[in-house]
Amino acid sequence: MVLVFSILSLALREQSADLAAWARDTVSTYLRYAMPALGVFFSLTFFCALSPLWDKKYRSPLWIRIRSLCSLACSVILLALAGFFGALSAAEAIPLEGYIKALGIGSALLLRGMYLAEALWQKKVL
C-alpha cells in the first residue's frame, strides 16, 4: 500500500495543481470509507481466526467454512468499495482508478492473509 501511495505522489507531481488537488481529495474520500471498514473487517477476521484457540468446537469443518466465508465476504465488500470509488475517479490524465483499485486489492489480500495464519497455526498444532 505504501508503494501505491509513493507511485501516486510521483504521478501527481507532474500534473497541474487543480488535478493533483482533485486526485488527493478523491483518494482521501475513498480512504475515509475504506480504512474504518478495513479496521472493522480485520478485527472481525482476526477474532474469527483466533476462535479455535478458545474452544475446540471451533476447529470443526463447519466453523472453518464459516471463518472462510467471513473472510471472503469482508474481502468482497472492500473490493466492491474500491471498484465503486475507482469508477467514480476515472480520469484520462492520471490512472487514479488503477491506484484506488490497487489499494482495494491490497486491503482484501490483507484480510485473506488470515488463511495463511490459520494454515501455519494448524501445522504447528497438529
N, C-alpha and C. Protein backbone atom coordinates (compact mmCIF):
# COMPACT_ATOMS: atom_id res chain seq x y z
N MET A 1 0.82 -1.19 0.00
CA MET A 1 0.00 0.00 0.00
C MET A 1 0.87 1.26 0.00
N VAL A 2 1.97 1.18 0.71
CA VAL A 2 2.88 2.31 0.73
C VAL A 2 3.46 2.54 -0.65
N LEU A 3 3.72 1.46 -1.36
CA LEU A 3 4.24 1.58 -2.72
C LEU A 3 3.24 2.29 -3.63
N VAL A 4 1.97 1.99 -3.49
CA VAL A 4 0.94 2.64 -4.30
C VAL A 4 0.88 4.13 -4.00
N PHE A 5 0.97 4.48 -2.70
CA PHE A 5 0.97 5.91 -2.34
C PHE A 5 2.19 6.62 -2.88
N SER A 6 3.34 5.97 -2.88
CA SER A 6 4.56 6.59 -3.42
C SER A 6 4.44 6.83 -4.92
N ILE A 7 3.95 5.83 -5.63
CA ILE A 7 3.79 5.97 -7.08
C ILE A 7 2.76 7.06 -7.40
N LEU A 8 1.68 7.10 -6.62
CA LEU A 8 0.66 8.12 -6.83
C LEU A 8 1.21 9.52 -6.60
N SER A 9 1.98 9.69 -5.54
CA SER A 9 2.53 11.03 -5.27
C SER A 9 3.52 11.44 -6.36
N LEU A 10 4.28 10.50 -6.89
CA LEU A 10 5.19 10.82 -8.00
C LEU A 10 4.40 11.19 -9.25
N ALA A 11 3.30 10.51 -9.50
CA ALA A 11 2.49 10.81 -10.68
C ALA A 11 1.79 12.16 -10.54
N LEU A 12 1.44 12.54 -9.32
CA LEU A 12 0.76 13.81 -9.11
C LEU A 12 1.69 15.01 -9.23
N ARG A 13 2.99 14.80 -9.07
CA ARG A 13 3.94 15.92 -9.21
C ARG A 13 3.97 16.47 -10.63
N GLU A 14 3.69 15.60 -11.59
CA GLU A 14 3.75 16.00 -13.00
C GLU A 14 2.46 16.65 -13.48
N GLN A 15 1.41 16.64 -12.65
CA GLN A 15 0.10 17.14 -13.07
C GLN A 15 -0.10 18.58 -12.58
N SER A 16 -1.15 19.20 -13.09
CA SER A 16 -1.47 20.57 -12.67
C SER A 16 -1.95 20.57 -11.22
N ALA A 17 -1.94 21.73 -10.62
CA ALA A 17 -2.32 21.84 -9.20
C ALA A 17 -3.79 21.46 -8.98
N ASP A 18 -4.65 21.85 -9.91
CA ASP A 18 -6.08 21.51 -9.76
C ASP A 18 -6.32 20.01 -9.85
N LEU A 19 -5.69 19.38 -10.82
CA LEU A 19 -5.85 17.94 -10.98
C LEU A 19 -5.25 17.18 -9.79
N ALA A 20 -4.12 17.64 -9.31
CA ALA A 20 -3.50 16.98 -8.15
C ALA A 20 -4.36 17.14 -6.91
N ALA A 21 -4.97 18.32 -6.72
CA ALA A 21 -5.85 18.53 -5.57
C ALA A 21 -7.09 17.65 -5.68
N TRP A 22 -7.64 17.54 -6.88
CA TRP A 22 -8.81 16.68 -7.08
C TRP A 22 -8.46 15.22 -6.79
N ALA A 23 -7.30 14.77 -7.26
CA ALA A 23 -6.89 13.38 -7.06
C ALA A 23 -6.66 13.10 -5.57
N ARG A 24 -6.03 14.04 -4.87
CA ARG A 24 -5.83 13.85 -3.43
C ARG A 24 -7.16 13.81 -2.68
N ASP A 25 -8.09 14.66 -3.06
CA ASP A 25 -9.42 14.65 -2.43
C ASP A 25 -10.15 13.34 -2.70
N THR A 26 -10.03 12.86 -3.92
CA THR A 26 -10.70 11.61 -4.27
C THR A 26 -10.13 10.43 -3.49
N VAL A 27 -8.82 10.36 -3.40
CA VAL A 27 -8.19 9.26 -2.66
C VAL A 27 -8.49 9.38 -1.17
N SER A 28 -8.48 10.60 -0.64
CA SER A 28 -8.78 10.75 0.79
C SER A 28 -10.24 10.42 1.09
N THR A 29 -11.15 10.71 0.17
CA THR A 29 -12.54 10.32 0.36
C THR A 29 -12.68 8.81 0.35
N TYR A 30 -11.99 8.15 -0.56
CA TYR A 30 -12.00 6.68 -0.58
C TYR A 30 -11.45 6.13 0.73
N LEU A 31 -10.35 6.69 1.20
CA LEU A 31 -9.73 6.20 2.43
C LEU A 31 -10.60 6.45 3.66
N ARG A 32 -11.41 7.51 3.63
CA ARG A 32 -12.32 7.76 4.76
C ARG A 32 -13.34 6.64 4.93
N TYR A 33 -13.69 6.00 3.85
CA TYR A 33 -14.62 4.87 3.93
C TYR A 33 -13.89 3.53 4.07
N ALA A 34 -12.78 3.39 3.37
CA ALA A 34 -12.11 2.10 3.31
C ALA A 34 -11.33 1.76 4.58
N MET A 35 -10.67 2.73 5.18
CA MET A 35 -9.85 2.43 6.35
C MET A 35 -10.67 2.01 7.58
N PRO A 36 -11.76 2.69 7.91
CA PRO A 36 -12.57 2.17 9.03
C PRO A 36 -13.16 0.79 8.73
N ALA A 37 -13.58 0.58 7.47
CA ALA A 37 -14.11 -0.73 7.10
C ALA A 37 -13.02 -1.79 7.21
N LEU A 38 -11.82 -1.46 6.77
CA LEU A 38 -10.71 -2.40 6.87
C LEU A 38 -10.40 -2.72 8.33
N GLY A 39 -10.44 -1.71 9.18
CA GLY A 39 -10.19 -1.95 10.60
C GLY A 39 -11.22 -2.87 11.23
N VAL A 40 -12.48 -2.63 10.94
CA VAL A 40 -13.55 -3.47 11.48
C VAL A 40 -13.44 -4.89 10.92
N PHE A 41 -13.25 -4.99 9.61
CA PHE A 41 -13.17 -6.31 8.99
C PHE A 41 -11.92 -7.06 9.43
N PHE A 42 -10.81 -6.35 9.62
CA PHE A 42 -9.59 -7.00 10.07
C PHE A 42 -9.77 -7.56 11.48
N SER A 43 -10.38 -6.77 12.36
CA SER A 43 -10.60 -7.26 13.71
C SER A 43 -11.58 -8.44 13.71
N LEU A 44 -12.58 -8.38 12.87
CA LEU A 44 -13.54 -9.48 12.77
C LEU A 44 -12.87 -10.77 12.30
N THR A 45 -12.09 -10.68 11.23
CA THR A 45 -11.43 -11.88 10.72
C THR A 45 -10.32 -12.34 11.66
N PHE A 46 -9.69 -11.41 12.36
CA PHE A 46 -8.64 -11.77 13.32
C PHE A 46 -9.24 -12.59 14.46
N PHE A 47 -10.37 -12.14 15.00
CA PHE A 47 -11.00 -12.89 16.09
C PHE A 47 -11.60 -14.20 15.58
N CYS A 48 -12.05 -14.23 14.34
CA CYS A 48 -12.52 -15.49 13.77
C CYS A 48 -11.36 -16.48 13.64
N ALA A 49 -10.20 -15.99 13.26
CA ALA A 49 -9.04 -16.86 13.12
C ALA A 49 -8.54 -17.35 14.48
N LEU A 50 -8.73 -16.55 15.53
CA LEU A 50 -8.30 -16.95 16.86
C LEU A 50 -9.32 -17.81 17.60
N SER A 51 -10.52 -17.89 17.09
CA SER A 51 -11.57 -18.63 17.80
C SER A 51 -11.24 -20.10 18.08
N PRO A 52 -10.49 -20.81 17.22
CA PRO A 52 -10.17 -22.20 17.57
C PRO A 52 -9.28 -22.32 18.81
N LEU A 53 -8.60 -21.25 19.18
CA LEU A 53 -7.78 -21.30 20.38
C LEU A 53 -8.62 -21.29 21.64
N TRP A 54 -9.80 -20.71 21.58
CA TRP A 54 -10.65 -20.58 22.76
C TRP A 54 -11.44 -21.84 23.07
N ASP A 55 -11.95 -22.48 22.04
CA ASP A 55 -12.80 -23.64 22.24
C ASP A 55 -12.55 -24.64 21.11
N LYS A 56 -12.49 -25.91 21.45
CA LYS A 56 -12.19 -26.93 20.44
C LYS A 56 -13.31 -27.13 19.44
N LYS A 57 -14.53 -26.74 19.80
CA LYS A 57 -15.64 -26.93 18.85
C LYS A 57 -15.48 -26.04 17.62
N TYR A 58 -14.71 -24.95 17.74
CA TYR A 58 -14.49 -24.06 16.59
C TYR A 58 -13.47 -24.62 15.61
N ARG A 59 -12.92 -25.79 15.89
CA ARG A 59 -11.97 -26.43 14.98
C ARG A 59 -12.67 -27.36 13.99
N SER A 60 -13.96 -27.50 14.10
CA SER A 60 -14.70 -28.40 13.22
C SER A 60 -14.76 -27.84 11.80
N PRO A 61 -14.99 -28.71 10.82
CA PRO A 61 -15.06 -28.24 9.41
C PRO A 61 -16.15 -27.18 9.17
N LEU A 62 -17.25 -27.26 9.90
CA LEU A 62 -18.30 -26.25 9.75
C LEU A 62 -17.79 -24.87 10.13
N TRP A 63 -17.09 -24.77 11.24
CA TRP A 63 -16.58 -23.47 11.67
C TRP A 63 -15.45 -22.98 10.79
N ILE A 64 -14.70 -23.91 10.21
CA ILE A 64 -13.66 -23.50 9.26
C ILE A 64 -14.31 -22.86 8.03
N ARG A 65 -15.42 -23.44 7.57
CA ARG A 65 -16.14 -22.85 6.43
C ARG A 65 -16.73 -21.49 6.79
N ILE A 66 -17.27 -21.37 8.00
CA ILE A 66 -17.84 -20.08 8.43
C ILE A 66 -16.75 -19.02 8.49
N ARG A 67 -15.59 -19.37 9.01
CA ARG A 67 -14.48 -18.40 9.05
C ARG A 67 -14.03 -18.03 7.64
N SER A 68 -14.00 -19.00 6.75
CA SER A 68 -13.61 -18.73 5.36
C SER A 68 -14.62 -17.81 4.69
N LEU A 69 -15.89 -18.06 4.90
CA LEU A 69 -16.92 -17.20 4.31
C LEU A 69 -16.89 -15.79 4.90
N CYS A 70 -16.59 -15.68 6.17
CA CYS A 70 -16.48 -14.35 6.80
C CYS A 70 -15.35 -13.55 6.16
N SER A 71 -14.21 -14.18 6.00
CA SER A 71 -13.07 -13.51 5.37
C SER A 71 -13.37 -13.17 3.91
N LEU A 72 -14.02 -14.08 3.22
CA LEU A 72 -14.36 -13.85 1.81
C LEU A 72 -15.34 -12.70 1.67
N ALA A 73 -16.37 -12.67 2.51
CA ALA A 73 -17.38 -11.60 2.43
C ALA A 73 -16.76 -10.24 2.73
N CYS A 74 -15.91 -10.18 3.73
CA CYS A 74 -15.26 -8.90 4.05
C CYS A 74 -14.36 -8.44 2.91
N SER A 75 -13.65 -9.37 2.29
CA SER A 75 -12.79 -9.02 1.15
C SER A 75 -13.61 -8.53 -0.03
N VAL A 76 -14.73 -9.19 -0.29
CA VAL A 76 -15.59 -8.78 -1.41
C VAL A 76 -16.15 -7.38 -1.18
N ILE A 77 -16.52 -7.07 0.05
CA ILE A 77 -17.04 -5.73 0.35
C ILE A 77 -15.97 -4.68 0.10
N LEU A 78 -14.75 -4.95 0.53
CA LEU A 78 -13.65 -3.99 0.29
C LEU A 78 -13.35 -3.84 -1.21
N LEU A 79 -13.41 -4.94 -1.94
CA LEU A 79 -13.18 -4.85 -3.39
C LEU A 79 -14.30 -4.09 -4.08
N ALA A 80 -15.54 -4.28 -3.64
CA ALA A 80 -16.66 -3.54 -4.22
C ALA A 80 -16.54 -2.05 -3.93
N LEU A 81 -16.10 -1.72 -2.72
CA LEU A 81 -15.90 -0.32 -2.36
C LEU A 81 -14.82 0.31 -3.23
N ALA A 82 -13.74 -0.42 -3.45
CA ALA A 82 -12.67 0.08 -4.32
C ALA A 82 -13.13 0.20 -5.76
N GLY A 83 -13.92 -0.74 -6.21
CA GLY A 83 -14.44 -0.67 -7.57
C GLY A 83 -15.37 0.51 -7.77
N PHE A 84 -16.21 0.78 -6.76
CA PHE A 84 -17.12 1.92 -6.83
C PHE A 84 -16.35 3.24 -6.87
N PHE A 85 -15.42 3.42 -5.94
CA PHE A 85 -14.66 4.67 -5.94
C PHE A 85 -13.71 4.76 -7.12
N GLY A 86 -13.23 3.61 -7.60
CA GLY A 86 -12.39 3.61 -8.79
C GLY A 86 -13.14 4.08 -10.02
N ALA A 87 -14.39 3.63 -10.15
CA ALA A 87 -15.21 4.06 -11.28
C ALA A 87 -15.55 5.55 -11.19
N LEU A 88 -15.73 6.04 -9.98
CA LEU A 88 -16.02 7.47 -9.82
C LEU A 88 -14.82 8.34 -10.11
N SER A 89 -13.63 7.79 -9.96
CA SER A 89 -12.43 8.61 -10.11
C SER A 89 -11.72 8.40 -11.44
N ALA A 90 -12.37 7.79 -12.39
CA ALA A 90 -11.73 7.54 -13.69
C ALA A 90 -11.41 8.86 -14.38
N ALA A 91 -10.18 9.01 -14.80
CA ALA A 91 -9.73 10.22 -15.50
C ALA A 91 -8.70 9.81 -16.55
N GLU A 92 -8.61 10.59 -17.60
CA GLU A 92 -7.67 10.27 -18.67
C GLU A 92 -6.26 10.77 -18.36
N ALA A 93 -6.14 11.82 -17.59
CA ALA A 93 -4.83 12.41 -17.35
C ALA A 93 -3.99 11.57 -16.39
N ILE A 94 -4.64 10.91 -15.46
CA ILE A 94 -3.92 10.11 -14.46
C ILE A 94 -4.73 8.84 -14.19
N PRO A 95 -4.07 7.70 -14.08
CA PRO A 95 -4.81 6.45 -13.85
C PRO A 95 -5.19 6.27 -12.38
N LEU A 96 -5.97 7.20 -11.87
CA LEU A 96 -6.35 7.17 -10.46
C LEU A 96 -7.22 5.96 -10.14
N GLU A 97 -7.99 5.54 -11.12
CA GLU A 97 -8.84 4.36 -10.93
C GLU A 97 -7.99 3.13 -10.59
N GLY A 98 -6.90 2.97 -11.28
CA GLY A 98 -6.00 1.85 -11.03
C GLY A 98 -5.36 1.91 -9.65
N TYR A 99 -5.01 3.11 -9.21
CA TYR A 99 -4.41 3.26 -7.88
C TYR A 99 -5.41 2.88 -6.79
N ILE A 100 -6.64 3.34 -6.94
CA ILE A 100 -7.66 3.03 -5.93
C ILE A 100 -7.98 1.54 -5.93
N LYS A 101 -8.05 0.96 -7.11
CA LYS A 101 -8.31 -0.49 -7.17
C LYS A 101 -7.13 -1.28 -6.60
N ALA A 102 -5.92 -0.81 -6.80
CA ALA A 102 -4.76 -1.48 -6.22
C ALA A 102 -4.79 -1.41 -4.69
N LEU A 103 -5.23 -0.27 -4.15
CA LEU A 103 -5.38 -0.16 -2.70
C LEU A 103 -6.45 -1.13 -2.20
N GLY A 104 -7.53 -1.26 -2.95
CA GLY A 104 -8.58 -2.20 -2.57
C GLY A 104 -8.11 -3.64 -2.62
N ILE A 105 -7.34 -3.98 -3.63
CA ILE A 105 -6.81 -5.34 -3.74
C ILE A 105 -5.84 -5.62 -2.59
N GLY A 106 -5.02 -4.64 -2.26
CA GLY A 106 -4.09 -4.81 -1.13
C GLY A 106 -4.81 -5.03 0.19
N SER A 107 -5.87 -4.28 0.43
CA SER A 107 -6.61 -4.44 1.68
C SER A 107 -7.35 -5.78 1.70
N ALA A 108 -7.87 -6.22 0.55
CA ALA A 108 -8.53 -7.52 0.50
C ALA A 108 -7.53 -8.65 0.72
N LEU A 109 -6.34 -8.52 0.16
CA LEU A 109 -5.32 -9.54 0.38
C LEU A 109 -4.85 -9.57 1.82
N LEU A 110 -4.87 -8.44 2.47
CA LEU A 110 -4.52 -8.39 3.89
C LEU A 110 -5.50 -9.23 4.70
N LEU A 111 -6.77 -9.12 4.38
CA LEU A 111 -7.77 -9.93 5.08
C LEU A 111 -7.64 -11.40 4.73
N ARG A 112 -7.34 -11.69 3.49
CA ARG A 112 -7.21 -13.09 3.08
C ARG A 112 -5.96 -13.73 3.66
N GLY A 113 -5.05 -12.94 4.19
CA GLY A 113 -3.86 -13.46 4.85
C GLY A 113 -4.18 -14.26 6.10
N MET A 114 -5.40 -14.14 6.59
CA MET A 114 -5.80 -14.94 7.74
C MET A 114 -5.77 -16.42 7.42
N TYR A 115 -6.00 -16.77 6.16
CA TYR A 115 -5.89 -18.17 5.76
C TYR A 115 -4.48 -18.69 5.97
N LEU A 116 -3.51 -17.87 5.61
CA LEU A 116 -2.12 -18.26 5.80
C LEU A 116 -1.81 -18.44 7.28
N ALA A 117 -2.27 -17.50 8.09
CA ALA A 117 -2.03 -17.59 9.53
C ALA A 117 -2.70 -18.84 10.11
N GLU A 118 -3.91 -19.12 9.66
CA GLU A 118 -4.62 -20.30 10.16
C GLU A 118 -3.94 -21.59 9.70
N ALA A 119 -3.46 -21.63 8.47
CA ALA A 119 -2.77 -22.83 7.96
C ALA A 119 -1.47 -23.06 8.73
N LEU A 120 -0.73 -21.99 8.99
CA LEU A 120 0.51 -22.13 9.77
C LEU A 120 0.22 -22.59 11.19
N TRP A 121 -0.88 -22.07 11.77
CA TRP A 121 -1.25 -22.46 13.12
C TRP A 121 -1.65 -23.92 13.17
N GLN A 122 -2.38 -24.40 12.17
CA GLN A 122 -2.81 -25.80 12.14
C GLN A 122 -1.62 -26.74 11.97
N LYS A 123 -0.64 -26.36 11.20
CA LYS A 123 0.54 -27.20 11.04
C LYS A 123 1.33 -27.27 12.36
N LYS A 124 1.35 -26.18 13.07
CA LYS A 124 2.10 -26.13 14.32
C LYS A 124 1.40 -26.93 15.41
N VAL A 125 0.06 -26.85 15.45
CA VAL A 125 -0.72 -27.52 16.48
C VAL A 125 -0.84 -29.01 16.20
N LEU A 126 -1.08 -29.36 14.92
CA LEU A 126 -1.29 -30.77 14.56
C LEU A 126 0.02 -31.42 14.36
